[in-house]
Amino acid sequence: MKVLVFGATGDQGAAQIDRLRAAGHRPIAAGRHPERSSGEAIFADFAEPASLAAAIDGMEAIFLTLPSTSFQPAEPLIAATDIIARAAAAAPSVRMLIFNSSLPMAPEKLGFAAQDARIEMRARLFAAGIPTVVLAPVVFLDNLLKGWVWPTLVRQGKIVYPHPDSLQVSWICHDDLAALMVAALGRPDLAGRTFAVGGPEALRGPELARRLSLAWRRKLTFESQSLDDFTARISDLFGGSGALPTGRMMAELRRIYTWYQTDPSHPFLVDMKPVLALLPTSLSSLESWAARHPLPSESLDISGATELPN
C-alpha cells in the first residue's frame, strides 16, 4: 500500500517508515521539508490546509502521528486533524487511517489538556467516516534514551523516572508500536476501535533496572523521581520549546502524571493478549530492545535527543 506518514521526521515516525518498508509497503513522508527526507516525501504543512489535502490525494492509507499537545496549543492540531480526516474520507483511494495517539487515552475527557486533545482528534476522525483504528501507547522504552533520562543513566548508573517503585508499567518501544500500526492496516474490520498498547510484560522500576543491568552488563539502579524534580527537569529542557506558558505546561504535566500514577484504571498497565489476537505482532523483549541500543562509551556524546515528551 502507498502510505502517507505524518510525523515521519520524529522518532516514532521513523520507526513507522522502517516497518512499512519491511512489510513491503510504500511509505511517503509528509512534512514541511520533503527535500530533507532520505526516502519518498511530499510537502504537507499543518498551517496550510490545502497542502494536507494535496498530500493525501492518491494515497491508499495514512499513518497519523501528531506533535505533542503537552507543549503547544492543541487547537491548530485539532483543526489539522479535522482537515486530514475530511480529505481522507473524500479521497477514493484512501482505505484506512491509523491514528497513533502517542499517549494513554481515557474512555472520555477527564480535564487533562493533552489527553483531551487526543480524544477530540479521535472524535473528528471517527465522525469524518474514514475507517480509522486508534492505537494508544503507554510509556515508551525509548524515553530512557532521551535527554531527561539518558545522561544520568550512563554517567551515574541510575534510571531516574517519575514512577513509584511499585508502579507496574507495560513499557513499549517505538518499533513495536510501528509494527502494530502496520498490522492494523490489514484489519479494516476493526475501524472505530481504540486499543491501548504496551509491551509484552509489565515491569516495576527496580525490575526494569535489574534486567537492563544484565542486558547492558552494567550495574543500574532505579530512582523514583518526585514530580517536583521531574517537572523542574522538563522545564529546564523544554520550557522555551513550546508555545504554551511554561508554568501552565508544568502544572498540566504534574496533573496528568499524578493520574498515571494513582488512577485505579492503571493507565500504564496493558494486557496485550487480546490485542495480539487481533493484531498478531512479535513484541520485543526488554533484552532485545537493549541490544539494539547499547550503552555508549564515556567518550561519546550522551546528551540524548530532546524530542518533546507527551
Protein backbone atom coordinates (compact mmCIF):
# COMPACT_ATOMS: atom_id res chain seq x y z
CA MET A 1 0.00 0.00 0.00
CA LYS A 2 1.05 3.59 -0.58
CA VAL A 3 1.00 5.00 2.97
CA LEU A 4 1.29 8.69 3.86
CA VAL A 5 3.15 9.08 7.16
CA PHE A 6 2.52 12.24 9.18
CA GLY A 7 5.18 12.77 11.83
CA ALA A 8 7.76 10.89 9.80
CA THR A 9 10.66 13.08 10.96
CA GLY A 10 10.20 12.16 14.64
CA ASP A 11 11.42 9.01 16.37
CA GLN A 12 8.00 7.37 16.24
CA GLY A 13 7.53 8.23 12.57
CA ALA A 14 10.98 6.98 11.61
CA ALA A 15 10.15 3.59 13.12
CA GLN A 16 6.88 3.56 11.18
CA ILE A 17 8.70 4.25 7.90
CA ASP A 18 11.08 1.38 8.58
CA ARG A 19 8.33 -1.06 9.49
CA LEU A 20 6.22 -0.15 6.47
CA ARG A 21 9.17 -0.74 4.15
CA ALA A 22 9.98 -4.04 5.82
CA ALA A 23 6.39 -5.17 5.29
CA GLY A 24 6.54 -4.33 1.58
CA HIS A 25 4.51 -1.13 1.72
CA ARG A 26 5.49 2.18 0.14
CA PRO A 27 5.76 4.88 2.84
CA ILE A 28 5.64 8.54 1.85
CA ALA A 29 6.87 11.02 4.48
CA ALA A 30 4.66 14.10 4.88
CA GLY A 31 6.44 17.23 6.10
CA ARG A 32 7.35 20.86 5.61
CA HIS A 33 10.81 19.99 4.25
CA PRO A 34 10.43 16.97 1.97
CA GLU A 35 13.81 17.70 0.42
CA ARG A 36 15.46 16.64 3.69
CA SER A 37 13.96 13.16 3.59
CA SER A 38 16.13 10.20 2.68
CA GLY A 39 13.16 8.45 1.09
CA GLU A 40 9.98 9.42 -0.72
CA ALA A 41 8.41 12.55 0.72
CA ILE A 42 5.76 15.12 -0.05
CA PHE A 43 5.11 18.64 1.20
CA ALA A 44 2.50 18.99 3.93
CA ASP A 45 2.18 21.77 6.48
CA PHE A 46 -0.44 21.85 9.24
CA ALA A 47 -0.59 25.63 8.79
CA GLU A 48 -1.53 25.23 5.10
CA PRO A 49 -4.79 23.24 4.83
CA ALA A 50 -4.57 22.92 1.05
CA SER A 51 -1.22 21.15 1.37
CA LEU A 52 -2.74 18.48 3.60
CA ALA A 53 -5.48 17.59 1.13
CA ALA A 54 -2.99 17.66 -1.75
CA ALA A 55 -0.63 15.29 0.08
CA ILE A 56 -3.44 12.79 0.71
CA ASP A 57 -4.50 12.63 -2.94
CA GLY A 58 -3.60 9.24 -4.39
CA MET A 59 -2.64 7.62 -1.08
CA GLU A 60 -4.09 4.29 -0.01
CA ALA A 61 -3.63 4.66 3.75
CA ILE A 62 -2.49 7.20 6.33
CA PHE A 63 -0.40 6.90 9.48
CA LEU A 64 -1.17 9.90 11.65
CA THR A 65 1.22 10.85 14.47
CA LEU A 66 0.91 14.44 15.63
CA PRO A 67 3.18 16.79 17.61
CA SER A 68 2.90 16.89 21.37
CA THR A 69 -0.13 18.70 22.75
CA SER A 70 1.58 18.98 26.13
CA PHE A 71 3.82 21.82 24.97
CA GLN A 72 1.80 23.77 22.44
CA PRO A 73 -1.80 24.82 21.80
CA ALA A 74 -3.98 21.92 20.73
CA GLU A 75 -6.47 23.88 18.63
CA PRO A 76 -4.34 24.14 15.44
CA LEU A 77 -3.54 20.43 15.61
CA ILE A 78 -7.20 19.53 16.15
CA ALA A 79 -8.10 21.70 13.15
CA ALA A 80 -5.42 19.97 11.07
CA THR A 81 -6.76 16.57 12.14
CA ASP A 82 -10.23 17.62 11.00
CA ILE A 83 -8.87 18.66 7.59
CA ILE A 84 -6.91 15.41 7.23
CA ALA A 85 -9.96 13.36 8.24
CA ARG A 86 -12.29 15.05 5.75
CA ALA A 87 -9.71 14.93 2.94
CA ALA A 88 -9.07 11.24 3.57
CA ALA A 89 -12.79 10.49 3.62
CA ALA A 90 -13.21 12.31 0.30
CA ALA A 91 -10.26 10.60 -1.38
CA PRO A 92 -11.50 7.45 -3.14
CA SER A 93 -8.08 5.80 -2.94
CA VAL A 94 -7.71 6.01 0.87
CA ARG A 95 -8.86 2.82 2.56
CA MET A 96 -7.68 3.27 6.15
CA LEU A 97 -6.21 5.68 8.65
CA ILE A 98 -4.20 4.54 11.67
CA PHE A 99 -4.05 7.16 14.42
CA ASN A 100 -1.21 6.94 16.93
CA SER A 101 -2.29 8.95 19.97
CA SER A 102 1.28 8.81 21.38
CA LEU A 103 -0.11 8.62 24.93
CA PRO A 104 -2.67 6.69 27.01
CA MET A 105 -6.29 7.68 26.42
CA ALA A 106 -9.10 7.56 28.93
CA PRO A 107 -12.53 6.46 27.63
CA GLU A 108 -13.73 10.07 27.93
CA LYS A 109 -12.37 13.55 28.57
CA LEU A 110 -11.14 13.99 32.15
CA GLY A 111 -9.88 17.56 32.00
CA PHE A 112 -6.25 16.81 31.06
CA ALA A 113 -5.40 19.15 28.21
CA ALA A 114 -3.03 16.90 26.24
CA GLN A 115 -5.17 13.81 26.58
CA ASP A 116 -8.46 15.61 25.92
CA ALA A 117 -6.97 16.98 22.71
CA ARG A 118 -6.23 13.45 21.53
CA ILE A 119 -9.77 12.36 22.39
CA GLU A 120 -11.13 15.27 20.35
CA MET A 121 -8.88 14.33 17.43
CA ARG A 122 -10.20 10.78 17.57
CA ALA A 123 -13.77 12.09 17.54
CA ARG A 124 -13.07 14.16 14.43
CA LEU A 125 -11.54 11.16 12.65
CA PHE A 126 -14.43 8.87 13.51
CA ALA A 127 -17.02 11.50 12.56
CA ALA A 128 -15.49 12.05 9.12
CA GLY A 129 -16.23 8.47 8.14
CA ILE A 130 -12.73 7.40 7.13
CA PRO A 131 -12.14 3.86 8.53
CA THR A 132 -9.87 4.57 11.48
CA VAL A 133 -8.10 2.42 14.05
CA VAL A 134 -6.58 4.15 17.08
CA LEU A 135 -3.54 2.84 18.93
CA ALA A 136 -2.85 4.44 22.32
CA PRO A 137 0.64 3.50 23.57
CA VAL A 138 1.60 3.69 27.22
CA VAL A 139 5.18 4.56 28.26
CA PHE A 140 7.90 4.37 25.61
CA LEU A 141 11.07 2.46 26.45
CA ASP A 142 12.77 4.87 24.08
CA ASN A 143 12.16 7.65 26.63
CA LEU A 144 15.11 6.14 28.52
CA LEU A 145 17.32 7.29 25.63
CA LYS A 146 16.23 10.93 25.92
CA GLY A 147 17.92 13.92 27.43
CA TRP A 148 15.96 13.89 30.67
CA VAL A 149 16.98 10.28 31.47
CA TRP A 150 19.92 9.08 29.36
CA PRO A 151 22.83 11.20 30.70
CA THR A 152 22.15 10.23 34.32
CA LEU A 153 21.69 6.59 33.32
CA VAL A 154 25.05 6.49 31.52
CA ARG A 155 27.11 8.67 33.85
CA GLN A 156 25.70 7.62 37.23
CA GLY A 157 24.13 4.23 36.55
CA LYS A 158 20.71 5.47 37.69
CA ILE A 159 17.37 5.27 35.89
CA VAL A 160 15.64 8.35 37.26
CA TYR A 161 11.96 8.34 36.30
CA PRO A 162 8.72 9.73 37.78
CA HIS A 163 7.26 6.33 38.67
CA PRO A 164 6.80 4.95 42.18
CA ASP A 165 8.81 1.76 42.78
CA SER A 166 5.58 -0.24 42.92
CA LEU A 167 4.07 1.08 39.66
CA GLN A 168 3.62 -1.63 37.02
CA VAL A 169 4.34 -0.34 33.53
CA SER A 170 3.87 -2.09 30.18
CA TRP A 171 6.81 -0.32 28.53
CA ILE A 172 6.60 -0.35 24.71
CA CYS A 173 9.23 0.61 22.14
CA HIS A 174 8.68 2.72 19.03
CA ASP A 175 9.45 -0.23 16.78
CA ASP A 176 6.72 -2.39 18.32
CA LEU A 177 4.16 0.39 18.09
CA ALA A 178 5.04 0.76 14.41
CA ALA A 179 4.64 -2.99 13.91
CA LEU A 180 1.19 -2.89 15.50
CA MET A 181 0.21 0.02 13.24
CA VAL A 182 1.29 -1.98 10.19
CA ALA A 183 -0.74 -4.95 11.43
CA ALA A 184 -3.78 -2.68 11.80
CA LEU A 185 -3.55 -1.78 8.10
CA GLY A 186 -4.81 -5.26 7.31
CA ARG A 187 -7.80 -5.05 9.63
CA PRO A 188 -10.37 -2.61 8.20
CA ASP A 189 -12.99 -4.54 10.17
CA LEU A 190 -11.52 -3.01 13.36
CA ALA A 191 -12.35 0.54 12.24
CA GLY A 192 -13.83 2.63 15.01
CA ARG A 193 -11.92 0.86 17.76
CA THR A 194 -9.24 2.13 20.13
CA PHE A 195 -6.56 -0.17 21.51
CA ALA A 196 -4.34 0.60 24.46
CA VAL A 197 -1.00 -0.94 23.57
CA GLY A 198 2.09 -1.79 25.58
CA GLY A 199 4.97 -4.20 25.62
CA PRO A 200 4.97 -7.95 26.28
CA GLU A 201 5.25 -7.62 30.07
CA ALA A 202 4.71 -5.19 32.92
CA LEU A 203 7.75 -4.16 34.94
CA ARG A 204 8.25 -2.16 38.12
CA GLY A 205 11.14 0.30 38.19
CA PRO A 206 13.57 -1.81 40.25
CA GLU A 207 12.96 -4.83 37.98
CA LEU A 208 13.50 -2.66 34.92
CA ALA A 209 16.88 -1.59 36.30
CA ARG A 210 17.84 -5.17 37.23
CA ARG A 211 17.01 -6.54 33.78
CA LEU A 212 18.78 -3.70 31.96
CA SER A 213 21.80 -4.20 34.24
CA LEU A 214 22.09 -7.75 32.93
CA ALA A 215 21.41 -6.75 29.32
CA TRP A 216 23.88 -3.86 29.30
CA ARG A 217 26.33 -5.55 31.69
CA ARG A 218 26.47 -2.58 33.98
CA LYS A 219 25.05 -2.13 37.44
CA LEU A 220 21.98 0.12 37.30
CA THR A 221 19.60 1.27 39.99
CA PHE A 222 16.13 2.77 39.76
CA GLU A 223 15.37 6.07 41.44
CA SER A 224 11.74 7.14 41.78
CA GLN A 225 11.76 10.78 40.79
CA SER A 226 9.42 13.19 42.58
CA LEU A 227 7.05 15.15 40.40
CA ASP A 228 8.68 18.36 41.64
CA ASP A 229 12.06 17.20 40.32
CA PHE A 230 10.54 15.80 37.13
CA THR A 231 8.70 18.96 36.16
CA ALA A 232 11.74 21.09 37.04
CA ARG A 233 13.90 18.91 34.78
CA ILE A 234 11.41 19.04 31.90
CA SER A 235 11.04 22.79 32.37
CA ASP A 236 14.81 23.23 32.08
CA LEU A 237 14.94 21.17 28.88
CA PHE A 238 11.74 22.21 27.12
CA GLY A 239 10.44 25.33 28.83
CA GLY A 240 11.39 27.51 25.90
CA SER A 241 10.48 24.99 23.21
CA GLY A 242 6.71 25.17 23.28
CA ALA A 243 4.15 27.83 22.55
CA LEU A 244 2.39 27.49 25.91
CA PRO A 245 3.48 29.34 29.08
CA THR A 246 5.99 27.21 30.98
CA GLY A 247 4.06 27.36 34.27
CA ARG A 248 0.90 26.11 32.60
CA MET A 249 2.75 23.28 30.85
CA MET A 250 4.37 22.07 34.05
CA ALA A 251 1.10 22.23 36.01
CA GLU A 252 -0.60 20.10 33.35
CA LEU A 253 2.30 17.65 33.30
CA ARG A 254 2.09 17.27 37.08
CA ARG A 255 -1.68 16.69 36.97
CA ILE A 256 -1.60 14.01 34.31
CA TYR A 257 1.40 12.19 35.83
CA THR A 258 -0.42 12.11 39.15
CA TRP A 259 -3.34 10.45 37.34
CA TYR A 260 -1.00 7.99 35.62
CA GLN A 261 0.43 7.00 38.99
CA THR A 262 -2.70 6.80 41.10
CA ASP A 263 -5.79 6.13 38.99
CA PRO A 264 -7.49 2.77 39.75
CA SER A 265 -7.70 2.04 36.00
CA HIS A 266 -3.88 1.66 35.92
CA PRO A 267 -3.30 3.64 32.69
CA PHE A 268 0.23 2.28 32.26
CA LEU A 269 -0.76 -1.39 32.58
CA VAL A 270 -1.95 -3.22 29.45
CA ASP A 271 -2.95 -6.83 28.85
CA MET A 272 -1.69 -7.38 25.32
CA LYS A 273 -3.12 -10.86 24.80
CA PRO A 274 -6.48 -9.69 23.37
CA VAL A 275 -4.72 -7.05 21.26
CA LEU A 276 -2.25 -9.54 19.78
CA ALA A 277 -5.11 -11.92 19.00
CA LEU A 278 -6.41 -9.25 16.62
CA LEU A 279 -3.10 -7.67 15.59
CA PRO A 280 -0.55 -10.50 15.57
CA THR A 281 2.86 -8.97 16.22
CA SER A 282 6.10 -10.24 17.71
CA LEU A 283 6.80 -7.81 20.54
CA SER A 284 10.36 -7.01 21.60
CA SER A 285 11.65 -8.31 24.91
CA LEU A 286 13.39 -5.77 27.11
CA GLU A 287 16.65 -7.54 26.38
CA SER A 288 16.26 -7.42 22.59
CA TRP A 289 15.43 -3.71 22.78
CA ALA A 290 18.50 -3.10 24.93
CA ALA A 291 20.68 -4.98 22.43
CA ARG A 292 19.57 -2.55 19.72
CA HIS A 293 20.55 0.41 21.91
CA PRO A 294 23.92 -0.34 23.54
CA LEU A 295 25.34 1.96 26.18
CA PRO A 296 27.88 4.40 24.72
CA SER A 297 31.41 4.84 25.93
CA GLU A 298 32.08 7.87 28.11
CA SER A 299 33.87 9.48 25.15
CA LEU A 300 30.65 9.72 23.16
CA ASP A 301 28.05 12.44 23.29
CA ILE A 302 25.33 11.24 25.66
CA SER A 303 23.20 14.36 25.77
CA GLY A 304 20.31 12.41 24.24
CA ALA A 305 17.77 13.71 21.76
CA THR A 306 15.27 16.16 23.16
CA GLU A 307 12.12 15.32 21.26
CA LEU A 308 9.23 16.64 23.28
CA PRO A 309 7.57 14.06 25.55
CA ASN A 310 3.82 13.50 25.67
